[in-house]
N, C-alpha and C. Protein backbone atom coordinates (compact mmCIF):
# COMPACT_ATOMS: atom_id res chain seq x y z
N MET A 1 -145.60 -13.83 -9.48
CA MET A 1 -146.63 -14.69 -8.40
C MET A 1 -147.11 -15.60 -9.32
N LYS A 2 -147.43 -15.27 -10.68
CA LYS A 2 -148.03 -16.66 -11.34
C LYS A 2 -147.56 -17.56 -11.22
N HIS A 3 -146.14 -17.73 -11.50
CA HIS A 3 -145.05 -18.91 -11.65
C HIS A 3 -144.92 -18.53 -10.07
N SER A 4 -144.48 -18.38 -8.89
CA SER A 4 -144.73 -18.66 -7.86
C SER A 4 -145.89 -19.92 -7.30
N LYS A 5 -147.51 -19.23 -7.86
CA LYS A 5 -148.62 -20.54 -7.59
C LYS A 5 -148.29 -21.58 -8.19
N LYS A 6 -147.64 -21.61 -9.49
CA LYS A 6 -147.42 -22.92 -10.44
C LYS A 6 -146.95 -23.47 -9.68
N SER A 7 -145.36 -23.16 -9.13
CA SER A 7 -144.55 -23.76 -8.37
C SER A 7 -145.35 -24.65 -7.12
N VAL A 8 -146.12 -23.67 -6.31
CA VAL A 8 -147.11 -24.44 -4.84
C VAL A 8 -147.46 -25.75 -5.50
N LEU A 9 -148.75 -25.31 -6.58
CA LEU A 9 -149.24 -26.66 -7.03
C LEU A 9 -148.67 -27.59 -7.30
N TYR A 10 -147.05 -27.19 -7.95
CA TYR A 10 -146.84 -28.54 -8.75
C TYR A 10 -146.34 -29.47 -7.39
N LEU A 11 -145.77 -28.64 -6.50
CA LEU A 11 -145.03 -29.12 -5.41
C LEU A 11 -146.34 -30.02 -4.84
N THR A 12 -147.34 -29.79 -4.21
CA THR A 12 -148.58 -29.93 -3.85
C THR A 12 -149.15 -31.22 -4.18
N GLN A 13 -149.12 -31.33 -5.37
CA GLN A 13 -149.56 -32.10 -6.48
C GLN A 13 -148.49 -33.19 -6.04
N LEU A 14 -147.34 -33.55 -5.98
CA LEU A 14 -146.49 -33.96 -5.89
C LEU A 14 -146.22 -34.79 -4.43
N ALA A 15 -146.35 -34.11 -3.56
CA ALA A 15 -146.31 -34.23 -2.59
C ALA A 15 -147.48 -35.09 -2.33
N ILE A 16 -149.05 -35.12 -2.71
CA ILE A 16 -149.93 -35.61 -2.31
C ILE A 16 -149.64 -37.15 -3.80
N LEU A 17 -148.82 -37.44 -4.46
CA LEU A 17 -148.94 -38.32 -5.14
C LEU A 17 -147.84 -38.79 -4.66
N VAL A 18 -146.96 -38.70 -3.73
CA VAL A 18 -145.87 -39.36 -3.25
C VAL A 18 -147.06 -39.94 -1.84
N ALA A 19 -147.65 -39.28 -1.27
CA ALA A 19 -148.36 -39.69 -0.16
C ALA A 19 -149.20 -40.92 -0.68
N ILE A 20 -149.73 -40.80 -1.57
CA ILE A 20 -150.64 -41.71 -2.55
C ILE A 20 -149.60 -43.06 -2.27
N GLU A 21 -148.88 -42.99 -2.66
CA GLU A 21 -147.68 -44.27 -3.12
C GLU A 21 -147.22 -44.96 -1.93
N MET A 22 -146.92 -43.81 -0.22
CA MET A 22 -146.77 -44.61 0.76
C MET A 22 -147.68 -45.15 0.73
N VAL A 23 -149.16 -44.51 1.12
CA VAL A 23 -150.69 -45.30 1.88
C VAL A 23 -150.56 -46.63 1.53
N MET A 24 -150.12 -46.64 0.10
CA MET A 24 -150.98 -47.98 -0.83
C MET A 24 -149.81 -48.58 -0.66
N LYS A 25 -148.74 -48.71 -0.10
CA LYS A 25 -147.54 -49.49 0.34
C LYS A 25 -148.06 -50.00 1.73
N LEU A 26 -148.31 -49.08 2.41
CA LEU A 26 -148.69 -49.52 4.17
C LEU A 26 -149.88 -49.76 4.35
N ILE A 27 -150.74 -50.24 3.08
CA ILE A 27 -151.93 -50.87 3.55
C ILE A 27 -152.13 -52.12 2.57
N GLY A 28 -150.83 -52.30 2.34
CA GLY A 28 -150.90 -53.47 1.27
C GLY A 28 -151.09 -53.76 -0.28
N LEU A 29 -151.49 -52.30 -0.94
CA LEU A 29 -152.32 -52.47 -2.06
C LEU A 29 -150.96 -52.28 -3.09
N GLY A 30 -150.06 -51.44 -2.44
CA GLY A 30 -148.78 -51.19 -3.36
C GLY A 30 -147.95 -52.47 -4.11
N SER A 31 -148.13 -53.11 -2.74
CA SER A 31 -147.32 -54.76 -3.19
C SER A 31 -147.52 -55.88 -2.84
N VAL A 32 -148.01 -56.68 -3.47
CA VAL A 32 -148.98 -57.84 -3.26
C VAL A 32 -147.98 -59.03 -3.76
N PRO A 33 -147.94 -59.83 -2.65
CA PRO A 33 -146.38 -61.05 -2.47
C PRO A 33 -146.94 -61.79 -3.73
N PHE A 34 -146.22 -62.36 -4.81
CA PHE A 34 -146.68 -63.17 -5.43
C PHE A 34 -145.98 -63.86 -6.45
N GLY A 35 -145.12 -64.93 -5.56
CA GLY A 35 -143.97 -66.02 -5.62
C GLY A 35 -142.78 -65.16 -5.12
N PRO A 36 -141.90 -65.19 -5.77
CA PRO A 36 -140.74 -64.82 -5.23
C PRO A 36 -140.39 -63.03 -5.79
N LEU A 37 -141.53 -62.47 -6.36
CA LEU A 37 -141.82 -61.28 -6.83
C LEU A 37 -143.17 -60.54 -6.46
N TYR A 38 -142.90 -59.38 -6.70
CA TYR A 38 -143.80 -58.26 -6.13
C TYR A 38 -144.94 -58.29 -6.99
N MET A 39 -145.95 -58.46 -7.09
CA MET A 39 -147.45 -57.58 -8.28
C MET A 39 -147.50 -56.23 -7.09
N SER A 40 -147.10 -55.71 -8.53
CA SER A 40 -146.61 -54.32 -7.89
C SER A 40 -147.52 -53.04 -8.66
N PHE A 41 -148.51 -52.49 -7.82
CA PHE A 41 -149.22 -51.07 -8.20
C PHE A 41 -148.95 -49.75 -7.83
N LEU A 42 -147.85 -49.46 -7.40
CA LEU A 42 -147.34 -48.85 -7.10
C LEU A 42 -146.77 -47.69 -8.80
N THR A 43 -147.06 -48.37 -10.00
CA THR A 43 -146.96 -47.72 -11.14
C THR A 43 -147.94 -46.77 -11.54
N VAL A 44 -149.41 -47.12 -10.51
CA VAL A 44 -150.15 -46.39 -10.87
C VAL A 44 -150.66 -44.94 -10.51
N PRO A 45 -149.82 -44.62 -9.80
CA PRO A 45 -149.46 -42.68 -8.97
C PRO A 45 -148.11 -42.20 -10.25
N ILE A 46 -146.94 -43.04 -10.44
CA ILE A 46 -146.26 -42.88 -11.50
C ILE A 46 -146.68 -42.73 -12.74
N ALA A 47 -147.97 -43.26 -13.23
CA ALA A 47 -148.50 -42.88 -14.25
C ALA A 47 -149.19 -41.14 -14.49
N VAL A 48 -150.09 -41.36 -12.98
CA VAL A 48 -150.75 -40.53 -13.00
C VAL A 48 -149.92 -38.91 -12.93
N GLY A 49 -149.15 -39.22 -12.33
CA GLY A 49 -147.60 -37.84 -11.90
C GLY A 49 -147.18 -37.50 -13.16
N ALA A 50 -146.93 -38.37 -14.46
CA ALA A 50 -146.81 -38.61 -15.74
C ALA A 50 -147.74 -37.53 -16.32
N ILE A 51 -149.02 -38.09 -16.42
CA ILE A 51 -149.88 -37.37 -17.23
C ILE A 51 -150.86 -35.94 -16.56
N VAL A 52 -150.45 -36.20 -15.22
CA VAL A 52 -151.28 -34.08 -15.14
C VAL A 52 -149.32 -33.05 -14.98
N MET A 53 -148.23 -33.80 -14.66
CA MET A 53 -147.25 -33.39 -14.22
C MET A 53 -146.37 -32.92 -15.02
N GLY A 54 -145.86 -34.44 -15.92
CA GLY A 54 -144.58 -34.24 -17.08
C GLY A 54 -143.61 -35.33 -15.85
N PRO A 55 -142.72 -35.82 -17.05
CA PRO A 55 -141.67 -36.53 -16.67
C PRO A 55 -140.57 -36.48 -15.37
N ALA A 56 -139.96 -35.10 -15.30
CA ALA A 56 -139.77 -34.92 -13.90
C ALA A 56 -140.55 -35.59 -13.04
N ALA A 57 -141.77 -35.19 -12.87
CA ALA A 57 -142.49 -35.56 -11.47
C ALA A 57 -142.57 -36.94 -11.65
N SER A 58 -142.95 -37.68 -12.76
CA SER A 58 -142.94 -39.15 -13.02
C SER A 58 -141.82 -40.04 -12.38
N ALA A 59 -140.25 -39.50 -12.88
CA ALA A 59 -139.06 -39.76 -12.08
C ALA A 59 -139.08 -39.86 -10.54
N VAL A 60 -139.59 -38.62 -10.13
CA VAL A 60 -139.02 -38.58 -8.64
C VAL A 60 -140.19 -39.80 -7.70
N LEU A 61 -141.37 -39.84 -8.57
CA LEU A 61 -142.41 -41.20 -7.81
C LEU A 61 -141.35 -42.32 -8.59
N GLY A 62 -140.73 -42.38 -9.19
CA GLY A 62 -140.25 -43.47 -9.60
C GLY A 62 -139.56 -44.28 -8.65
N GLY A 63 -138.80 -42.40 -7.94
CA GLY A 63 -137.66 -42.92 -6.99
C GLY A 63 -137.93 -43.31 -5.77
N VAL A 64 -139.69 -42.81 -5.68
CA VAL A 64 -140.43 -43.10 -4.31
C VAL A 64 -140.39 -45.09 -4.16
N PHE A 65 -140.40 -44.86 -5.22
CA PHE A 65 -141.06 -46.77 -5.42
C PHE A 65 -139.92 -47.62 -5.06
N GLY A 66 -138.55 -46.72 -5.75
CA GLY A 66 -137.77 -47.27 -5.61
C GLY A 66 -136.78 -47.75 -4.48
N LEU A 67 -137.25 -46.56 -3.89
CA LEU A 67 -136.34 -46.41 -2.56
C LEU A 67 -137.22 -47.28 -1.72
N VAL A 68 -139.00 -47.52 -1.48
CA VAL A 68 -139.37 -48.57 -0.88
C VAL A 68 -139.38 -49.70 -1.05
N SER A 69 -139.14 -50.06 -2.39
CA SER A 69 -137.97 -51.65 -3.13
C SER A 69 -137.23 -51.67 -2.81
N PHE A 70 -136.41 -51.21 -2.42
CA PHE A 70 -134.90 -51.33 -1.70
C PHE A 70 -134.68 -51.35 -0.23
N MET A 71 -135.72 -50.63 0.52
CA MET A 71 -135.81 -51.08 1.47
C MET A 71 -136.45 -52.56 1.84
N ASP A 72 -137.56 -52.99 1.26
CA ASP A 72 -138.15 -54.10 1.28
C ASP A 72 -136.82 -55.21 1.16
N ALA A 73 -135.92 -55.13 -0.06
CA ALA A 73 -134.73 -55.62 0.10
C ALA A 73 -133.59 -55.83 0.78
N ILE A 74 -133.29 -54.78 1.79
CA ILE A 74 -133.27 -54.75 3.16
C ILE A 74 -133.61 -55.65 4.18
N ASN A 75 -134.88 -55.37 4.47
CA ASN A 75 -135.41 -55.97 5.55
C ASN A 75 -136.13 -57.36 5.51
N GLY A 76 -135.93 -57.58 4.18
CA GLY A 76 -136.59 -59.46 3.81
C GLY A 76 -137.80 -59.11 3.10
N ALA A 77 -138.58 -58.41 3.30
CA ALA A 77 -139.82 -58.39 2.44
C ALA A 77 -139.92 -58.85 1.36
N SER A 78 -138.65 -58.40 0.92
CA SER A 78 -138.43 -59.27 -0.74
C SER A 78 -137.70 -60.12 -1.19
N ILE A 79 -138.90 -61.58 -1.14
CA ILE A 79 -137.71 -62.47 -1.78
C ILE A 79 -136.44 -62.46 -2.60
N MET A 80 -137.23 -62.25 -3.67
CA MET A 80 -135.99 -61.80 -4.60
C MET A 80 -134.96 -61.07 -4.33
N THR A 81 -135.59 -59.88 -3.84
CA THR A 81 -134.46 -58.78 -4.13
C THR A 81 -133.44 -59.07 -2.46
N SER A 82 -133.96 -59.30 -1.84
CA SER A 82 -133.06 -59.66 -0.47
C SER A 82 -131.89 -60.94 -0.78
N ASN A 83 -132.59 -61.46 -1.63
CA ASN A 83 -131.39 -62.80 -2.11
C ASN A 83 -130.47 -61.87 -3.18
N LEU A 84 -130.52 -61.21 -3.77
CA LEU A 84 -129.61 -60.51 -4.98
C LEU A 84 -128.63 -59.61 -3.99
N LEU A 85 -129.84 -58.73 -3.00
CA LEU A 85 -128.71 -58.08 -2.12
C LEU A 85 -127.58 -58.36 -1.78
N ALA A 86 -127.70 -59.75 -1.46
CA ALA A 86 -126.76 -60.40 -0.34
C ALA A 86 -125.60 -60.85 -1.64
N VAL A 87 -125.92 -60.85 -3.01
CA VAL A 87 -124.99 -61.28 -4.00
C VAL A 87 -124.34 -59.90 -4.57
N SER A 88 -124.64 -58.70 -4.52
CA SER A 88 -124.30 -57.32 -5.04
C SER A 88 -124.91 -56.18 -4.31
N PRO A 89 -125.13 -55.59 -3.09
CA PRO A 89 -125.70 -54.40 -2.89
C PRO A 89 -125.95 -53.01 -4.08
N VAL A 90 -125.23 -52.85 -4.63
CA VAL A 90 -124.77 -52.19 -5.56
C VAL A 90 -125.93 -52.53 -7.02
N HIS A 91 -125.61 -53.36 -7.12
CA HIS A 91 -126.56 -53.92 -8.76
C HIS A 91 -128.28 -53.89 -8.01
N THR A 92 -128.33 -54.13 -6.50
CA THR A 92 -129.38 -54.57 -5.94
C THR A 92 -129.86 -53.02 -6.09
N PHE A 93 -129.24 -51.80 -5.50
CA PHE A 93 -129.75 -50.67 -5.31
C PHE A 93 -129.97 -50.00 -7.02
N ILE A 94 -128.90 -50.52 -7.88
CA ILE A 94 -129.41 -49.71 -9.22
C ILE A 94 -130.45 -50.45 -9.57
N LEU A 95 -130.93 -51.94 -9.30
CA LEU A 95 -131.95 -52.02 -9.82
C LEU A 95 -133.41 -51.75 -9.14
N CYS A 96 -133.69 -51.96 -7.84
CA CYS A 96 -134.17 -51.26 -7.58
C CYS A 96 -134.87 -49.87 -7.19
N PHE A 97 -133.68 -48.93 -7.04
CA PHE A 97 -134.18 -47.61 -7.34
C PHE A 97 -133.71 -47.29 -8.67
N GLY A 98 -132.71 -47.53 -9.09
CA GLY A 98 -132.00 -46.59 -10.84
C GLY A 98 -133.14 -47.23 -11.67
N MET A 99 -133.46 -48.07 -12.18
CA MET A 99 -134.46 -48.68 -13.09
C MET A 99 -136.00 -48.17 -12.90
N ARG A 100 -135.96 -47.69 -11.12
CA ARG A 100 -137.47 -47.25 -11.10
C ARG A 100 -137.36 -45.83 -11.40
N VAL A 101 -136.81 -45.20 -11.30
CA VAL A 101 -136.63 -43.70 -12.17
C VAL A 101 -136.11 -43.74 -13.45
N LEU A 102 -135.57 -44.27 -13.80
CA LEU A 102 -135.44 -44.53 -15.23
C LEU A 102 -136.70 -45.27 -16.17
N MET A 103 -137.73 -45.72 -15.28
CA MET A 103 -139.11 -46.15 -15.68
C MET A 103 -140.04 -44.70 -15.26
N GLY A 104 -139.84 -44.19 -14.67
CA GLY A 104 -141.07 -43.38 -14.39
C GLY A 104 -140.65 -41.73 -15.37
N LEU A 105 -139.06 -41.41 -15.50
CA LEU A 105 -139.13 -40.46 -16.36
C LEU A 105 -139.19 -41.16 -18.35
N CYS A 106 -139.15 -42.21 -18.29
CA CYS A 106 -139.86 -42.77 -19.44
C CYS A 106 -141.27 -42.72 -20.05
N VAL A 107 -141.78 -42.98 -18.56
CA VAL A 107 -143.98 -42.91 -19.01
C VAL A 107 -143.96 -41.42 -19.19
N GLY A 108 -143.17 -40.86 -18.29
CA GLY A 108 -143.57 -38.89 -18.55
C GLY A 108 -143.60 -38.90 -19.95
N LEU A 109 -142.00 -39.22 -20.49
CA LEU A 109 -141.83 -38.94 -21.86
C LEU A 109 -142.62 -39.72 -22.78
N VAL A 110 -143.47 -40.76 -22.65
CA VAL A 110 -143.72 -41.30 -23.19
C VAL A 110 -145.53 -40.76 -23.80
N TYR A 111 -145.96 -39.94 -22.80
CA TYR A 111 -146.65 -39.33 -22.30
C TYR A 111 -146.94 -37.85 -23.28
N ARG A 112 -145.99 -37.58 -23.40
CA ARG A 112 -145.60 -36.51 -23.64
C ARG A 112 -145.75 -36.36 -25.19
N ALA A 113 -144.80 -37.48 -26.00
CA ALA A 113 -145.01 -37.92 -27.43
C ALA A 113 -145.50 -38.11 -27.69
N VAL A 114 -146.91 -39.33 -26.69
CA VAL A 114 -148.09 -39.56 -28.23
C VAL A 114 -148.93 -38.43 -27.77
N SER A 115 -149.12 -36.88 -26.73
CA SER A 115 -149.52 -36.54 -26.78
C SER A 115 -149.66 -35.30 -27.97
N LYS A 116 -148.23 -35.34 -28.13
CA LYS A 116 -148.38 -34.31 -29.94
C LYS A 116 -148.79 -35.09 -30.74
N VAL A 117 -148.44 -36.23 -30.36
CA VAL A 117 -149.16 -37.44 -31.98
C VAL A 117 -150.65 -37.19 -32.20
N CYS A 118 -151.17 -37.80 -30.74
CA CYS A 118 -152.83 -37.99 -30.81
C CYS A 118 -153.51 -36.97 -29.97
N LYS A 119 -154.54 -35.84 -29.93
CA LYS A 119 -155.29 -35.33 -29.66
C LYS A 119 -156.23 -35.40 -28.93
N LYS A 120 -156.11 -36.75 -28.80
CA LYS A 120 -157.17 -37.54 -27.78
C LYS A 120 -156.62 -37.85 -26.84
N SER A 121 -157.12 -37.08 -25.24
CA SER A 121 -156.43 -37.13 -24.15
C SER A 121 -156.64 -38.60 -23.41
N GLY A 122 -157.49 -38.73 -23.88
CA GLY A 122 -157.84 -40.83 -23.43
C GLY A 122 -156.58 -41.14 -23.94
N VAL A 123 -156.32 -41.26 -25.13
CA VAL A 123 -155.49 -41.99 -25.63
C VAL A 123 -154.42 -42.27 -25.28
N SER A 124 -153.69 -40.83 -24.70
CA SER A 124 -152.48 -40.87 -24.32
C SER A 124 -152.35 -41.22 -22.88
N CYS A 125 -153.87 -40.72 -21.74
CA CYS A 125 -153.56 -41.12 -21.06
C CYS A 125 -153.32 -42.67 -21.00
N PHE A 126 -154.11 -43.48 -21.64
CA PHE A 126 -154.23 -45.01 -21.65
C PHE A 126 -152.77 -45.70 -21.69
N VAL A 127 -152.50 -44.93 -22.77
CA VAL A 127 -150.40 -45.26 -23.26
C VAL A 127 -149.84 -45.16 -22.12
N ALA A 128 -149.63 -44.44 -21.86
CA ALA A 128 -148.98 -43.96 -20.64
C ALA A 128 -149.32 -44.76 -19.51
N SER A 129 -150.60 -44.92 -18.64
CA SER A 129 -150.82 -46.01 -17.33
C SER A 129 -150.26 -47.67 -17.93
N ILE A 130 -150.77 -47.92 -19.15
CA ILE A 130 -149.94 -49.22 -19.35
C ILE A 130 -148.65 -49.59 -19.53
N ALA A 131 -147.70 -48.03 -20.11
CA ALA A 131 -146.29 -47.97 -20.17
C ALA A 131 -145.72 -48.35 -18.92
N ALA A 132 -146.41 -47.94 -17.93
CA ALA A 132 -145.68 -47.69 -16.63
C ALA A 132 -145.61 -49.63 -16.08
N PRO A 133 -146.47 -50.31 -15.86
CA PRO A 133 -146.14 -51.21 -15.57
C PRO A 133 -145.57 -52.20 -16.22
N LEU A 134 -145.45 -52.07 -17.72
CA LEU A 134 -145.00 -52.40 -18.99
C LEU A 134 -143.40 -52.06 -18.68
N LEU A 135 -142.81 -51.06 -18.59
CA LEU A 135 -141.69 -50.38 -18.64
C LEU A 135 -140.93 -50.90 -17.29
N ASN A 136 -141.64 -50.97 -16.50
CA ASN A 136 -141.05 -51.30 -14.82
C ASN A 136 -141.24 -52.81 -14.76
N THR A 137 -141.53 -53.55 -15.61
CA THR A 137 -141.16 -55.05 -15.79
C THR A 137 -140.03 -55.16 -16.91
N LEU A 138 -140.30 -54.56 -17.97
CA LEU A 138 -138.99 -54.29 -18.34
C LEU A 138 -137.57 -54.29 -18.30
N PHE A 139 -137.50 -53.05 -17.18
CA PHE A 139 -136.61 -52.73 -17.23
C PHE A 139 -135.71 -53.50 -15.82
N PHE A 140 -136.69 -53.48 -14.51
CA PHE A 140 -136.47 -54.58 -13.78
C PHE A 140 -136.42 -55.88 -14.19
N MET A 141 -136.99 -56.36 -14.80
CA MET A 141 -136.33 -58.09 -15.40
C MET A 141 -135.17 -57.95 -16.16
N GLY A 142 -135.02 -56.98 -17.11
CA GLY A 142 -133.84 -56.78 -17.85
C GLY A 142 -132.71 -56.47 -17.05
N TYR A 143 -132.62 -55.81 -16.07
CA TYR A 143 -131.40 -55.62 -15.55
C TYR A 143 -131.01 -56.89 -14.51
N ILE A 144 -132.04 -57.69 -13.83
CA ILE A 144 -131.68 -58.88 -13.27
C ILE A 144 -131.27 -59.68 -14.14
N VAL A 145 -131.71 -59.40 -15.65
CA VAL A 145 -130.72 -60.91 -16.41
C VAL A 145 -129.47 -60.14 -17.11
N LEU A 146 -129.15 -59.00 -17.03
CA LEU A 146 -128.19 -57.94 -17.13
C LEU A 146 -127.09 -58.53 -16.24
N ALA A 147 -126.99 -58.33 -14.83
CA ALA A 147 -126.33 -58.75 -13.81
C ALA A 147 -126.42 -59.76 -12.65
N PHE A 148 -127.67 -60.16 -12.87
CA PHE A 148 -127.71 -61.55 -11.84
C PHE A 148 -128.19 -62.84 -12.57
N TYR A 149 -128.04 -62.99 -13.80
CA TYR A 149 -128.39 -64.18 -14.81
C TYR A 149 -127.74 -65.23 -14.03
N GLN A 150 -126.32 -65.33 -14.22
CA GLN A 150 -125.22 -66.33 -13.59
C GLN A 150 -125.13 -66.55 -12.21
N THR A 151 -126.03 -65.69 -11.28
CA THR A 151 -125.56 -66.56 -10.04
C THR A 151 -126.61 -67.67 -9.94
N ASP A 152 -126.17 -68.32 -8.68
CA ASP A 152 -126.56 -69.30 -8.33
C ASP A 152 -128.28 -69.20 -7.98
N TYR A 153 -128.51 -67.95 -7.47
CA TYR A 153 -129.59 -67.88 -7.11
C TYR A 153 -130.92 -67.99 -8.04
N VAL A 154 -130.28 -66.65 -9.10
CA VAL A 154 -130.95 -66.94 -10.63
C VAL A 154 -130.89 -68.19 -11.43
N GLN A 155 -130.08 -68.62 -11.35
CA GLN A 155 -129.83 -70.26 -12.08
C GLN A 155 -130.62 -70.91 -11.67
N GLY A 156 -131.34 -70.77 -9.86
CA GLY A 156 -132.46 -71.80 -9.67
C GLY A 156 -133.56 -71.88 -9.54
N LEU A 157 -133.54 -70.38 -10.11
CA LEU A 157 -135.17 -70.46 -10.32
C LEU A 157 -135.59 -70.40 -11.94
N VAL A 158 -134.05 -70.55 -12.66
CA VAL A 158 -134.04 -70.58 -13.64
C VAL A 158 -134.55 -72.64 -14.02
N SER A 159 -133.30 -73.21 -13.11
CA SER A 159 -134.48 -74.54 -13.35
C SER A 159 -135.30 -74.86 -13.20
N ALA A 160 -135.62 -73.97 -11.89
CA ALA A 160 -137.21 -74.59 -11.33
C ALA A 160 -138.47 -74.65 -12.27
N LYS A 161 -138.29 -73.11 -13.28
CA LYS A 161 -139.27 -73.25 -13.90
C LYS A 161 -138.78 -73.85 -15.10
N GLY A 162 -137.70 -74.16 -15.40
CA GLY A 162 -137.74 -75.04 -17.01
C GLY A 162 -137.72 -74.27 -17.87
N ALA A 163 -136.51 -73.15 -17.52
CA ALA A 163 -136.48 -71.78 -18.83
C ALA A 163 -135.35 -72.85 -19.54
N THR A 164 -135.48 -72.40 -20.54
CA THR A 164 -134.09 -72.38 -21.34
C THR A 164 -133.27 -71.17 -21.97
N ASN A 165 -133.65 -70.26 -21.58
CA ASN A 165 -133.14 -69.35 -21.96
C ASN A 165 -133.25 -67.82 -21.23
N PRO A 166 -132.76 -66.53 -21.11
CA PRO A 166 -133.25 -65.95 -20.33
C PRO A 166 -134.56 -64.91 -20.86
N LEU A 167 -134.66 -65.16 -22.04
CA LEU A 167 -136.18 -64.76 -22.47
C LEU A 167 -137.20 -65.56 -21.68
N MET A 168 -137.39 -66.84 -22.24
CA MET A 168 -138.38 -67.75 -21.31
C MET A 168 -138.23 -67.56 -19.96
N PHE A 169 -137.10 -67.44 -19.09
CA PHE A 169 -137.17 -67.29 -17.92
C PHE A 169 -137.71 -65.90 -17.25
N VAL A 170 -137.88 -64.74 -17.80
CA VAL A 170 -138.37 -63.57 -17.67
C VAL A 170 -139.79 -64.11 -17.44
N ALA A 171 -140.41 -64.50 -19.04
CA ALA A 171 -142.01 -64.87 -19.58
C ALA A 171 -142.30 -65.75 -18.31
N LEU A 172 -141.84 -66.54 -17.94
CA LEU A 172 -142.22 -67.80 -17.00
C LEU A 172 -142.05 -67.37 -15.88
N LEU A 173 -141.17 -66.32 -15.01
CA LEU A 173 -141.69 -65.96 -13.74
C LEU A 173 -142.53 -64.73 -13.65
N VAL A 174 -142.59 -63.95 -14.58
CA VAL A 174 -143.62 -62.89 -14.78
C VAL A 174 -145.01 -63.33 -15.24
N GLY A 175 -145.14 -63.61 -16.15
CA GLY A 175 -146.88 -64.45 -16.46
C GLY A 175 -147.79 -63.95 -16.18
N VAL A 176 -148.35 -64.26 -15.26
CA VAL A 176 -149.92 -63.95 -14.85
C VAL A 176 -149.89 -62.63 -13.96
N GLN A 177 -148.59 -62.31 -13.51
CA GLN A 177 -148.50 -61.28 -12.61
C GLN A 177 -148.60 -60.19 -13.35
N GLY A 178 -147.90 -60.35 -14.96
CA GLY A 178 -147.66 -59.08 -15.41
C GLY A 178 -148.89 -58.45 -16.40
N VAL A 179 -149.43 -59.70 -16.68
CA VAL A 179 -151.22 -59.76 -17.24
C VAL A 179 -151.88 -58.60 -16.15
N ILE A 180 -151.55 -58.93 -14.72
CA ILE A 180 -153.04 -58.74 -14.37
C ILE A 180 -152.41 -56.81 -13.72
N GLU A 181 -151.07 -56.57 -13.37
CA GLU A 181 -150.69 -55.53 -13.28
C GLU A 181 -151.20 -54.07 -14.70
N ALA A 182 -150.94 -54.67 -15.48
CA ALA A 182 -151.27 -54.21 -16.79
C ALA A 182 -152.19 -53.73 -17.19
N VAL A 183 -153.11 -54.92 -16.59
CA VAL A 183 -154.61 -54.53 -16.81
C VAL A 183 -155.03 -53.44 -16.10
N VAL A 184 -154.82 -53.85 -14.49
CA VAL A 184 -155.47 -52.76 -13.32
C VAL A 184 -154.72 -51.52 -13.70
N CYS A 185 -153.34 -51.06 -13.79
CA CYS A 185 -152.64 -50.23 -13.80
C CYS A 185 -153.08 -49.42 -15.10
N SER A 186 -153.21 -50.10 -16.51
CA SER A 186 -153.85 -48.97 -17.53
C SER A 186 -155.28 -48.60 -17.20
N VAL A 187 -156.15 -49.67 -16.62
CA VAL A 187 -157.40 -49.16 -15.89
C VAL A 187 -157.79 -48.08 -15.10
N THR A 188 -156.79 -47.94 -14.03
CA THR A 188 -156.55 -47.15 -12.76
C THR A 188 -156.50 -45.93 -13.43
N GLY A 189 -154.89 -46.31 -14.12
CA GLY A 189 -154.02 -45.02 -14.31
C GLY A 189 -154.87 -43.95 -15.22
N THR A 190 -155.59 -44.51 -16.22
CA THR A 190 -156.43 -44.01 -17.20
C THR A 190 -157.64 -43.13 -16.69
N ALA A 191 -158.18 -44.27 -15.96
CA ALA A 191 -159.69 -43.08 -15.27
C ALA A 191 -159.16 -41.90 -14.25
N VAL A 192 -158.05 -42.01 -12.95
CA VAL A 192 -157.74 -41.11 -12.61
C VAL A 192 -156.96 -39.79 -13.61
N GLY A 193 -155.88 -40.25 -14.14
CA GLY A 193 -155.35 -38.90 -14.54
C GLY A 193 -156.43 -38.11 -15.51
N ARG A 194 -157.52 -39.18 -16.48
CA ARG A 194 -157.95 -38.11 -17.64
C ARG A 194 -159.41 -37.38 -16.80
N GLY A 195 -159.46 -38.34 -15.32
CA GLY A 195 -160.10 -37.24 -14.36
C GLY A 195 -159.48 -36.16 -13.85
N LEU A 196 -158.45 -36.56 -13.27
CA LEU A 196 -158.03 -34.58 -12.74
C LEU A 196 -157.37 -33.95 -13.90
N GLN A 197 -156.98 -34.35 -15.10
CA GLN A 197 -157.24 -33.58 -16.16
C GLN A 197 -158.01 -32.59 -16.11
N LYS A 198 -159.50 -33.65 -16.17
CA LYS A 198 -160.88 -32.67 -16.76
C LYS A 198 -161.36 -31.62 -15.57
N ALA A 199 -160.74 -32.25 -13.94
CA ALA A 199 -160.54 -31.29 -13.05
C ALA A 199 -159.77 -29.81 -13.67
N MET A 200 -158.67 -29.89 -13.39
CA MET A 200 -157.59 -29.12 -13.88
C MET A 200 -158.41 -28.01 -15.08
N GLU A 201 -158.89 -28.34 -16.41
CA GLU A 201 -159.50 -28.31 -16.84
C GLU A 201 -160.34 -27.00 -16.74
N ARG A 202 -161.27 -27.37 -15.85
CA ARG A 202 -162.58 -26.84 -15.42
C ARG A 202 -161.71 -25.89 -14.62
N THR A 203 -161.09 -25.79 -13.74
CA THR A 203 -160.53 -25.05 -13.01
C THR A 203 -159.71 -24.00 -13.31
N THR A 204 -158.95 -23.91 -14.75
CA THR A 204 -158.09 -23.06 -15.06
C THR A 204 -159.30 -22.29 -16.29
N ASP A 205 -160.17 -22.73 -16.86
CA ASP A 205 -161.93 -21.85 -17.89
C ASP A 205 -162.08 -21.35 -16.06
N HIS A 206 -162.36 -21.36 -15.04
CA HIS A 206 -162.98 -20.74 -13.71
C HIS A 206 -162.44 -19.25 -14.00
N ARG A 207 -161.23 -19.68 -14.12
CA ARG A 207 -160.54 -18.10 -13.44
C ARG A 207 -160.48 -16.92 -14.55
């Protein structure tokens, strides 16, 4: 019975975070157009899932993010991924979906590792929350460089930015967007994740 209650609670929490991701996307808070890329805050629910529920949940939430991103590529909502889709649908799916699942899993593992080393939960929450946008950028842009860098579309962006190598291209393309994502996601994820932790602790203490 106790295991059953935990499973129901887990699935309920996961469903709520998935719903939050979808609502954020629908009202425009999840993905804000920023040049050829999106400035995405959908990493916040992923970080919260990693903090409250663990790596499996954050991987699932990363997958939801990835499916939303791939749909943007299909319907033309994302300039970059729509162009990449025309080059290779398979690599674009891996880029949008696979890299987001990997990111979510890694955020959960990062939180678990830091929480074992540091007993201050606020520190663990912050590290997980800032890891989410940073790893999202690392995996997404890293795969673009790996799979698409020599394509005409990406080389056009390289020329437009005046980049002389892949690392400079990533830095120039992400730029301010990456900083804003990191600040917003780290602050919001830490506050929400720590708040939920405290709420769950109080609930447990009252039983």
